[in-house]
């Protein structure tokens, strides 16, 4: 069984609100990978999370902010998957 991580995709009409939330999380010492795709802003809640929050804590922050988002579970890639 492989590990899974969460990709939160923020709806395009809430990207600015999500960027503000992301900046507030950074101020609190929490960082993670972000990016943009055809469906909006992506938050990669995986091994890249640094700080005192878990993926579930960050998802609760998104939920509490009222931002529209969807979650996709992605299989965690391991280093030996490339070989």
PDB file of N, CA and C in Angstrom:
ATOM      1  N   UNK A   1       0.841  -1.181   0.000  1.00  0.00           N
ATOM      2  CA  UNK A   1       0.000   0.000   0.000  1.00  0.00           C
ATOM      3  C   UNK A   1       0.882   1.237   0.000  1.00  0.00           C
ATOM      4  N   UNK A   2       0.594   2.181  -0.899  1.00  0.00           N
ATOM      5  CA  UNK A   2       1.390   3.401  -0.939  1.00  0.00           C
ATOM      6  C   UNK A   2       0.737   4.488  -0.079  1.00  0.00           C
ATOM      7  N   UNK A   3       1.563   5.397   0.368  1.00  0.00           N
ATOM      8  CA  UNK A   3       1.060   6.544   1.112  1.00  0.00           C
ATOM      9  C   UNK A   3       0.352   7.493   0.157  1.00  0.00           C
ATOM     10  N   UNK A   4      -0.566   8.259   0.679  1.00  0.00           N
ATOM     11  CA  UNK A   4      -1.302   9.223  -0.134  1.00  0.00           C
ATOM     12  C   UNK A   4      -1.079  10.623   0.441  1.00  0.00           C
ATOM     13  N   UNK A   5      -1.165  11.613  -0.417  1.00  0.00           N
ATOM     14  CA  UNK A   5      -1.157  12.985   0.070  1.00  0.00           C
ATOM     15  C   UNK A   5      -2.341  13.731  -0.531  1.00  0.00           C
ATOM     16  N   UNK A   6      -2.633  14.886   0.019  1.00  0.00           N
ATOM     17  CA  UNK A   6      -3.771  15.689  -0.410  1.00  0.00           C
ATOM     18  C   UNK A   6      -3.311  16.803  -1.347  1.00  0.00           C
ATOM     19  N   UNK A   7      -4.034  16.956  -2.443  1.00  0.00           N
ATOM     20  CA  UNK A   7      -3.893  18.146  -3.288  1.00  0.00           C
ATOM     21  C   UNK A   7      -5.206  18.907  -3.158  1.00  0.00           C
ATOM     22  N   UNK A   8      -5.126  20.094  -2.597  1.00  0.00           N
ATOM     23  CA  UNK A   8      -6.304  20.959  -2.502  1.00  0.00           C
ATOM     24  C   UNK A   8      -6.271  21.892  -3.706  1.00  0.00           C
ATOM     25  N   UNK A   9      -7.311  21.844  -4.519  1.00  0.00           N
ATOM     26  CA  UNK A   9      -7.413  22.731  -5.682  1.00  0.00           C
ATOM     27  C   UNK A   9      -8.443  23.802  -5.367  1.00  0.00           C
ATOM     28  N   UNK A  10      -7.967  25.037  -5.340  1.00  0.00           N
ATOM     29  CA  UNK A  10      -8.797  26.195  -5.000  1.00  0.00           C
ATOM     30  C   UNK A  10      -9.480  26.691  -6.274  1.00  0.00           C
ATOM     31  N   UNK A  11     -10.791  26.888  -6.194  1.00  0.00           N
ATOM     32  CA  UNK A  11     -11.560  27.383  -7.347  1.00  0.00           C
ATOM     33  C   UNK A  11     -11.021  28.752  -7.784  1.00  0.00           C
ATOM     34  N   UNK A  12     -11.001  29.006  -9.098  1.00  0.00           N
ATOM     35  CA  UNK A  12     -10.431  30.262  -9.609  1.00  0.00           C
ATOM     36  C   UNK A  12     -11.005  31.527  -8.953  1.00  0.00           C
ATOM     37  N   UNK A  13     -12.287  31.527  -8.633  1.00  0.00           N
ATOM     38  CA  UNK A  13     -12.880  32.734  -8.049  1.00  0.00           C
ATOM     39  C   UNK A  13     -12.487  32.954  -6.594  1.00  0.00           C
ATOM     40  N   UNK A  14     -11.754  32.007  -6.002  1.00  0.00           N
ATOM     41  CA  UNK A  14     -11.286  32.159  -4.622  1.00  0.00           C
ATOM     42  C   UNK A  14      -9.758  32.154  -4.505  1.00  0.00           C
ATOM     43  N   UNK A  15      -9.058  32.269  -5.632  1.00  0.00           N
ATOM     44  CA  UNK A  15      -7.591  32.223  -5.599  1.00  0.00           C
ATOM     45  C   UNK A  15      -7.012  33.361  -4.757  1.00  0.00           C
ATOM     46  N   UNK A  16      -7.513  34.568  -4.915  1.00  0.00           N
ATOM     47  CA  UNK A  16      -6.955  35.692  -4.139  1.00  0.00           C
ATOM     48  C   UNK A  16      -7.165  35.478  -2.646  1.00  0.00           C
ATOM     49  N   UNK A  17      -8.317  34.992  -2.259  1.00  0.00           N
ATOM     50  CA  UNK A  17      -8.592  34.699  -0.854  1.00  0.00           C
ATOM     51  C   UNK A  17      -7.649  33.603  -0.349  1.00  0.00           C
ATOM     52  N   UNK A  18      -7.389  32.598  -1.179  1.00  0.00           N
ATOM     53  CA  UNK A  18      -6.478  31.516  -0.805  1.00  0.00           C
ATOM     54  C   UNK A  18      -5.046  32.020  -0.700  1.00  0.00           C
ATOM     55  N   UNK A  19      -4.650  32.936  -1.581  1.00  0.00           N
ATOM     56  CA  UNK A  19      -3.304  33.511  -1.505  1.00  0.00           C
ATOM     57  C   UNK A  19      -3.125  34.276  -0.199  1.00  0.00           C
ATOM     58  N   UNK A  20      -4.156  34.986   0.217  1.00  0.00           N
ATOM     59  CA  UNK A  20      -4.113  35.703   1.495  1.00  0.00           C
ATOM     60  C   UNK A  20      -3.976  34.719   2.653  1.00  0.00           C
ATOM     61  N   UNK A  21      -4.753  33.642   2.626  1.00  0.00           N
ATOM     62  CA  UNK A  21      -4.670  32.623   3.669  1.00  0.00           C
ATOM     63  C   UNK A  21      -3.282  31.991   3.686  1.00  0.00           C
ATOM     64  N   UNK A  22      -2.738  31.696   2.525  1.00  0.00           N
ATOM     65  CA  UNK A  22      -1.411  31.102   2.427  1.00  0.00           C
ATOM     66  C   UNK A  22      -0.365  32.036   3.044  1.00  0.00           C
ATOM     67  N   UNK A  23      -0.477  33.336   2.793  1.00  0.00           N
ATOM     68  CA  UNK A  23       0.452  34.316   3.378  1.00  0.00           C
ATOM     69  C   UNK A  23       0.327  34.340   4.899  1.00  0.00           C
ATOM     70  N   UNK A  24      -0.903  34.249   5.399  1.00  0.00           N
ATOM     71  CA  UNK A  24      -1.103  34.220   6.861  1.00  0.00           C
ATOM     72  C   UNK A  24      -0.498  32.961   7.473  1.00  0.00           C
ATOM     73  N   UNK A  25      -0.619  31.837   6.783  1.00  0.00           N
ATOM     74  CA  UNK A  25      -0.012  30.600   7.271  1.00  0.00           C
ATOM     75  C   UNK A  25       1.511  30.733   7.292  1.00  0.00           C
ATOM     76  N   UNK A  26       2.090  31.352   6.253  1.00  0.00           N
ATOM     77  CA  UNK A  26       3.542  31.574   6.227  1.00  0.00           C
ATOM     78  C   UNK A  26       3.979  32.425   7.415  1.00  0.00           C
ATOM     79  N   UNK A  27       3.196  33.471   7.729  1.00  0.00           N
ATOM     80  CA  UNK A  27       3.506  34.320   8.883  1.00  0.00           C
ATOM     81  C   UNK A  27       3.505  33.517  10.182  1.00  0.00           C
ATOM     82  N   UNK A  28       2.716  32.445  10.219  1.00  0.00           N
ATOM     83  CA  UNK A  28       2.637  31.575  11.398  1.00  0.00           C
ATOM     84  C   UNK A  28       3.656  30.432  11.330  1.00  0.00           C
ATOM     85  N   UNK A  29       4.533  30.450  10.321  1.00  0.00           N
ATOM     86  CA  UNK A  29       5.604  29.473  10.220  1.00  0.00           C
ATOM     87  C   UNK A  29       5.250  28.202   9.486  1.00  0.00           C
ATOM     88  N   UNK A  30       4.168  28.216   8.716  1.00  0.00           N
ATOM     89  CA  UNK A  30       3.732  27.021   7.984  1.00  0.00           C
ATOM     90  C   UNK A  30       3.883  27.274   6.480  1.00  0.00           C
ATOM     91  N   UNK A  31       4.640  26.393   5.820  1.00  0.00           N
ATOM     92  CA  UNK A  31       4.818  26.511   4.375  1.00  0.00           C
ATOM     93  C   UNK A  31       4.586  25.152   3.717  1.00  0.00           C
ATOM     94  N   UNK A  32       4.310  25.188   2.413  1.00  0.00           N
ATOM     95  CA  UNK A  32       4.101  23.975   1.610  1.00  0.00           C
ATOM     96  C   UNK A  32       4.139  24.395   0.151  1.00  0.00           C
ATOM     97  N   UNK A  33       4.243  23.422  -0.736  1.00  0.00           N
ATOM     98  CA  UNK A  33       4.295  23.712  -2.166  1.00  0.00           C
ATOM     99  C   UNK A  33       2.932  24.163  -2.672  1.00  0.00           C
ATOM    100  N   UNK A  34       2.955  25.150  -3.543  1.00  0.00           N
ATOM    101  CA  UNK A  34       1.739  25.612  -4.225  1.00  0.00           C
ATOM    102  C   UNK A  34       2.031  25.714  -5.713  1.00  0.00           C
ATOM    103  N   UNK A  35       0.980  25.794  -6.483  1.00  0.00           N
ATOM    104  CA  UNK A  35       1.123  25.953  -7.923  1.00  0.00           C
ATOM    105  C   UNK A  35      -0.225  26.289  -8.531  1.00  0.00           C
ATOM    106  N   UNK A  36      -0.241  26.391  -9.843  1.00  0.00           N
ATOM    107  CA  UNK A  36      -1.470  26.726 -10.550  1.00  0.00           C
ATOM    108  C   UNK A  36      -1.687  25.726 -11.668  1.00  0.00           C
ATOM    109  N   UNK A  37      -2.927  25.342 -11.849  1.00  0.00           N
ATOM    110  CA  UNK A  37      -3.308  24.439 -12.915  1.00  0.00           C
ATOM    111  C   UNK A  37      -4.555  24.971 -13.597  1.00  0.00           C
ATOM    112  N   UNK A  38      -5.092  24.208 -14.526  1.00  0.00           N
ATOM    113  CA  UNK A  38      -6.257  24.672 -15.278  1.00  0.00           C
ATOM    114  C   UNK A  38      -7.509  24.864 -14.418  1.00  0.00           C
ATOM    115  N   UNK A  39      -7.539  24.236 -13.232  1.00  0.00           N
ATOM    116  CA  UNK A  39      -8.725  24.332 -12.381  1.00  0.00           C
ATOM    117  C   UNK A  39      -8.566  25.304 -11.220  1.00  0.00           C
ATOM    118  N   UNK A  40      -7.438  26.014 -11.166  1.00  0.00           N
ATOM    119  CA  UNK A  40      -7.233  26.987 -10.101  1.00  0.00           C
ATOM    120  C   UNK A  40      -5.871  26.831  -9.447  1.00  0.00           C
ATOM    121  N   UNK A  41      -5.789  27.210  -8.180  1.00  0.00           N
ATOM    122  CA  UNK A  41      -4.549  27.146  -7.408  1.00  0.00           C
ATOM    123  C   UNK A  41      -4.466  25.806  -6.682  1.00  0.00           C
ATOM    124  N   UNK A  42      -3.305  25.160  -6.759  1.00  0.00           N
ATOM    125  CA  UNK A  42      -3.105  23.873  -6.091  1.00  0.00           C
ATOM    126  C   UNK A  42      -2.226  24.040  -4.859  1.00  0.00           C
ATOM    127  N   UNK A  43      -2.658  23.457  -3.760  1.00  0.00           N
ATOM    128  CA  UNK A  43      -1.861  23.365  -2.545  1.00  0.00           C
ATOM    129  C   UNK A  43      -1.475  21.904  -2.404  1.00  0.00           C
ATOM    130  N   UNK A  44      -0.174  21.613  -2.456  1.00  0.00           N
ATOM    131  CA  UNK A  44       0.331  20.245  -2.343  1.00  0.00           C
ATOM    132  C   UNK A  44       0.624  19.958  -0.866  1.00  0.00           C
ATOM    133  N   UNK A  45      -0.277  19.269  -0.215  1.00  0.00           N
ATOM    134  CA  UNK A  45      -0.154  19.005   1.217  1.00  0.00           C
ATOM    135  C   UNK A  45       0.502  17.638   1.409  1.00  0.00           C
ATOM    136  N   UNK A  46       1.816  17.634   1.248  1.00  0.00           N
ATOM    137  CA  UNK A  46       2.599  16.405   1.242  1.00  0.00           C
ATOM    138  C   UNK A  46       3.853  16.592   2.079  1.00  0.00           C
ATOM    139  N   UNK A  47       4.936  15.935   1.682  1.00  0.00           N
ATOM    140  CA  UNK A  47       6.208  16.021   2.389  1.00  0.00           C
ATOM    141  C   UNK A  47       6.750  17.443   2.446  1.00  0.00           C
ATOM    142  N   UNK A  48       6.220  18.342   1.602  1.00  0.00           N
ATOM    143  CA  UNK A  48       6.728  19.719   1.557  1.00  0.00           C
ATOM    144  C   UNK A  48       6.232  20.581   2.715  1.00  0.00           C
ATOM    145  N   UNK A  49       5.271  20.094   3.499  1.00  0.00           N
ATOM    146  CA  UNK A  49       4.768  20.885   4.628  1.00  0.00           C
ATOM    147  C   UNK A  49       5.883  21.074   5.644  1.00  0.00           C
ATOM    148  N   UNK A  50       6.116  22.329   6.004  1.00  0.00           N
ATOM    149  CA  UNK A  50       7.062  22.662   7.067  1.00  0.00           C
ATOM    150  C   UNK A  50       6.326  23.514   8.084  1.00  0.00           C
ATOM    151  N   UNK A  51       6.617  23.279   9.346  1.00  0.00           N
ATOM    152  CA  UNK A  51       5.965  24.030  10.408  1.00  0.00           C
ATOM    153  C   UNK A  51       5.183  23.103  11.313  1.00  0.00           C
ATOM    154  N   UNK A  52       4.341  23.693  12.128  1.00  0.00           N
ATOM    155  CA  UNK A  52       3.661  22.954  13.194  1.00  0.00           C
ATOM    156  C   UNK A  52       2.304  22.372  12.814  1.00  0.00           C
ATOM    157  N   UNK A  53       1.892  22.500  11.548  1.00  0.00           N
ATOM    158  CA  UNK A  53       0.568  22.027  11.147  1.00  0.00           C
ATOM    159  C   UNK A  53       0.667  20.778  10.280  1.00  0.00           C
ATOM    160  N   UNK A  54      -0.370  19.945  10.361  1.00  0.00           N
ATOM    161  CA  UNK A  54      -0.492  18.784   9.480  1.00  0.00           C
ATOM    162  C   UNK A  54      -1.358  19.161   8.277  1.00  0.00           C
ATOM    163  N   UNK A  55      -1.438  18.248   7.317  1.00  0.00           N
ATOM    164  CA  UNK A  55      -2.321  18.468   6.169  1.00  0.00           C
ATOM    165  C   UNK A  55      -3.760  18.686   6.641  1.00  0.00           C
ATOM    166  N   UNK A  56      -4.201  17.907   7.620  1.00  0.00           N
ATOM    167  CA  UNK A  56      -5.574  18.039   8.123  1.00  0.00           C
ATOM    168  C   UNK A  56      -5.796  19.406   8.776  1.00  0.00           C
ATOM    169  N   UNK A  57      -4.787  19.905   9.492  1.00  0.00           N
ATOM    170  CA  UNK A  57      -4.901  21.239  10.096  1.00  0.00           C
ATOM    171  C   UNK A  57      -5.060  22.307   9.014  1.00  0.00           C
ATOM    172  N   UNK A  58      -4.290  22.180   7.953  1.00  0.00           N
ATOM    173  CA  UNK A  58      -4.350  23.153   6.855  1.00  0.00           C
ATOM    174  C   UNK A  58      -5.698  23.070   6.148  1.00  0.00           C
ATOM    175  N   UNK A  59      -6.203  21.856   5.948  1.00  0.00           N
ATOM    176  CA  UNK A  59      -7.523  21.700   5.330  1.00  0.00           C
ATOM    177  C   UNK A  59      -8.608  22.350   6.182  1.00  0.00           C
ATOM    178  N   UNK A  60      -8.489  22.253   7.493  1.00  0.00           N
ATOM    179  CA  UNK A  60      -9.452  22.924   8.375  1.00  0.00           C
ATOM    180  C   UNK A  60      -9.371  24.441   8.224  1.00  0.00           C
ATOM    181  N   UNK A  61      -8.169  24.969   8.051  1.00  0.00           N
ATOM    182  CA  UNK A  61      -8.008  26.416   7.826  1.00  0.00           C
ATOM    183  C   UNK A  61      -8.717  26.838   6.532  1.00  0.00           C
ATOM    184  N   UNK A  62      -8.559  26.032   5.476  1.00  0.00           N
ATOM    185  CA  UNK A  62      -9.237  26.333   4.210  1.00  0.00           C
ATOM    186  C   UNK A  62     -10.755  26.310   4.423  1.00  0.00           C
ATOM    187  N   UNK A  63     -11.214  25.269   5.081  1.00  0.00           N
ATOM    188  CA  UNK A  63     -12.656  25.118   5.333  1.00  0.00           C
ATOM    189  C   UNK A  63     -13.204  26.312   6.118  1.00  0.00           C
ATOM    190  N   UNK A  64     -12.505  26.689   7.175  1.00  0.00           N
ATOM    191  CA  UNK A  64     -12.954  27.804   8.021  1.00  0.00           C
ATOM    192  C   UNK A  64     -12.944  29.140   7.285  1.00  0.00           C
ATOM    193  N   UNK A  65     -12.107  29.262   6.258  1.00  0.00           N
ATOM    194  CA  UNK A  65     -12.007  30.523   5.521  1.00  0.00           C
ATOM    195  C   UNK A  65     -13.145  30.713   4.518  1.00  0.00           C
ATOM    196  N   UNK A  66     -13.880  29.632   4.211  1.00  0.00           N
ATOM    197  CA  UNK A  66     -14.977  29.732   3.254  1.00  0.00           C
ATOM    198  C   UNK A  66     -14.552  29.621   1.800  1.00  0.00           C
ATOM    199  N   UNK A  67     -13.311  29.244   1.554  1.00  0.00           N
ATOM    200  CA  UNK A  67     -12.791  29.092   0.190  1.00  0.00           C
ATOM    201  C   UNK A  67     -13.374  27.830  -0.443  1.00  0.00           C
ATOM    202  N   UNK A  68     -13.793  27.933  -1.716  1.00  0.00           N
ATOM    203  CA  UNK A  68     -14.239  26.757  -2.471  1.00  0.00           C
ATOM    204  C   UNK A  68     -13.010  25.960  -2.907  1.00  0.00           C
ATOM    205  N   UNK A  69     -13.012  24.669  -2.626  1.00  0.00           N
ATOM    206  CA  UNK A  69     -11.882  23.824  -2.994  1.00  0.00           C
ATOM    207  C   UNK A  69     -12.347  22.389  -3.196  1.00  0.00           C
ATOM    208  N   UNK A  70     -11.517  21.629  -3.870  1.00  0.00           N
ATOM    209  CA  UNK A  70     -11.729  20.191  -3.987  1.00  0.00           C
ATOM    210  C   UNK A  70     -10.444  19.500  -3.523  1.00  0.00           C
ATOM    211  N   UNK A  71     -10.580  18.266  -3.083  1.00  0.00           N
ATOM    212  CA  UNK A  71      -9.436  17.482  -2.628  1.00  0.00           C
ATOM    213  C   UNK A  71      -9.243  16.292  -3.553  1.00  0.00           C
ATOM    214  N   UNK A  72      -8.004  16.056  -3.929  1.00  0.00           N
ATOM    215  CA  UNK A  72      -7.632  14.872  -4.670  1.00  0.00           C
ATOM    216  C   UNK A  72      -6.569  14.148  -3.850  1.00  0.00           C
ATOM    217  N   UNK A  73      -6.744  12.849  -3.671  1.00  0.00           N
ATOM    218  CA  UNK A  73      -5.717  12.048  -3.010  1.00  0.00           C
ATOM    219  C   UNK A  73      -4.758  11.538  -4.079  1.00  0.00           C
ATOM    220  N   UNK A  74      -3.476  11.789  -3.867  1.00  0.00           N
ATOM    221  CA  UNK A  74      -2.441  11.451  -4.833  1.00  0.00           C
ATOM    222  C   UNK A  74      -1.490  10.438  -4.198  1.00  0.00           C
ATOM    223  N   UNK A  75      -1.145   9.356  -4.919  1.00  0.00           N
ATOM    224  CA  UNK A  75      -0.150   8.416  -4.363  1.00  0.00           C
ATOM    225  C   UNK A  75       1.185   9.134  -4.168  1.00  0.00           C
ATOM    226  N   UNK A  76       1.780   8.959  -3.005  1.00  0.00           N
ATOM    227  CA  UNK A  76       3.080   9.558  -2.685  1.00  0.00           C
ATOM    228  C   UNK A  76       4.149   8.862  -3.509  1.00  0.00           C
ATOM    229  N   UNK A  77       4.935   9.631  -4.229  1.00  0.00           N
ATOM    230  CA  UNK A  77       6.040   9.042  -4.998  1.00  0.00           C
ATOM    231  C   UNK A  77       7.217   8.798  -4.077  1.00  0.00           C
ATOM    232  N   UNK A  78       7.862   7.677  -4.288  1.00  0.00           N
ATOM    233  CA  UNK A  78       9.072   7.364  -3.539  1.00  0.00           C
ATOM    234  C   UNK A  78      10.256   7.479  -4.480  1.00  0.00           C
ATOM    235  N   UNK A  79      11.410   7.699  -3.909  1.00  0.00           N
ATOM    236  CA  UNK A  79      12.623   7.856  -4.715  1.00  0.00           C
ATOM    237  C   UNK A  79      12.853   6.653  -5.623  1.00  0.00           C
ATOM    238  N   UNK A  80      12.596   5.443  -5.151  1.00  0.00           N
ATOM    239  CA  UNK A  80      12.856   4.249  -5.970  1.00  0.00           C
ATOM    240  C   UNK A  80      11.835   4.041  -7.079  1.00  0.00           C
ATOM    241  N   UNK A  81      10.758   4.862  -7.118  1.00  0.00           N
ATOM    242  CA  UNK A  81       9.780   4.769  -8.213  1.00  0.00           C
ATOM    243  C   UNK A  81      10.369   5.237  -9.529  1.00  0.00           C
ATOM    244  N   UNK A  82      11.430   6.062  -9.468  1.00  0.00           N
ATOM    245  CA  UNK A  82      12.039   6.609 -10.685  1.00  0.00           C
ATOM    246  C   UNK A  82      13.041   5.655 -11.315  1.00  0.00           C
ATOM    247  N   UNK A  83      13.428   4.625 -10.591  1.00  0.00           N
ATOM    248  CA  UNK A  83      14.485   3.748 -11.084  1.00  0.00           C
ATOM    249  C   UNK A  83      13.946   2.564 -11.840  1.00  0.00           C
TER     250      UNK A  83
END
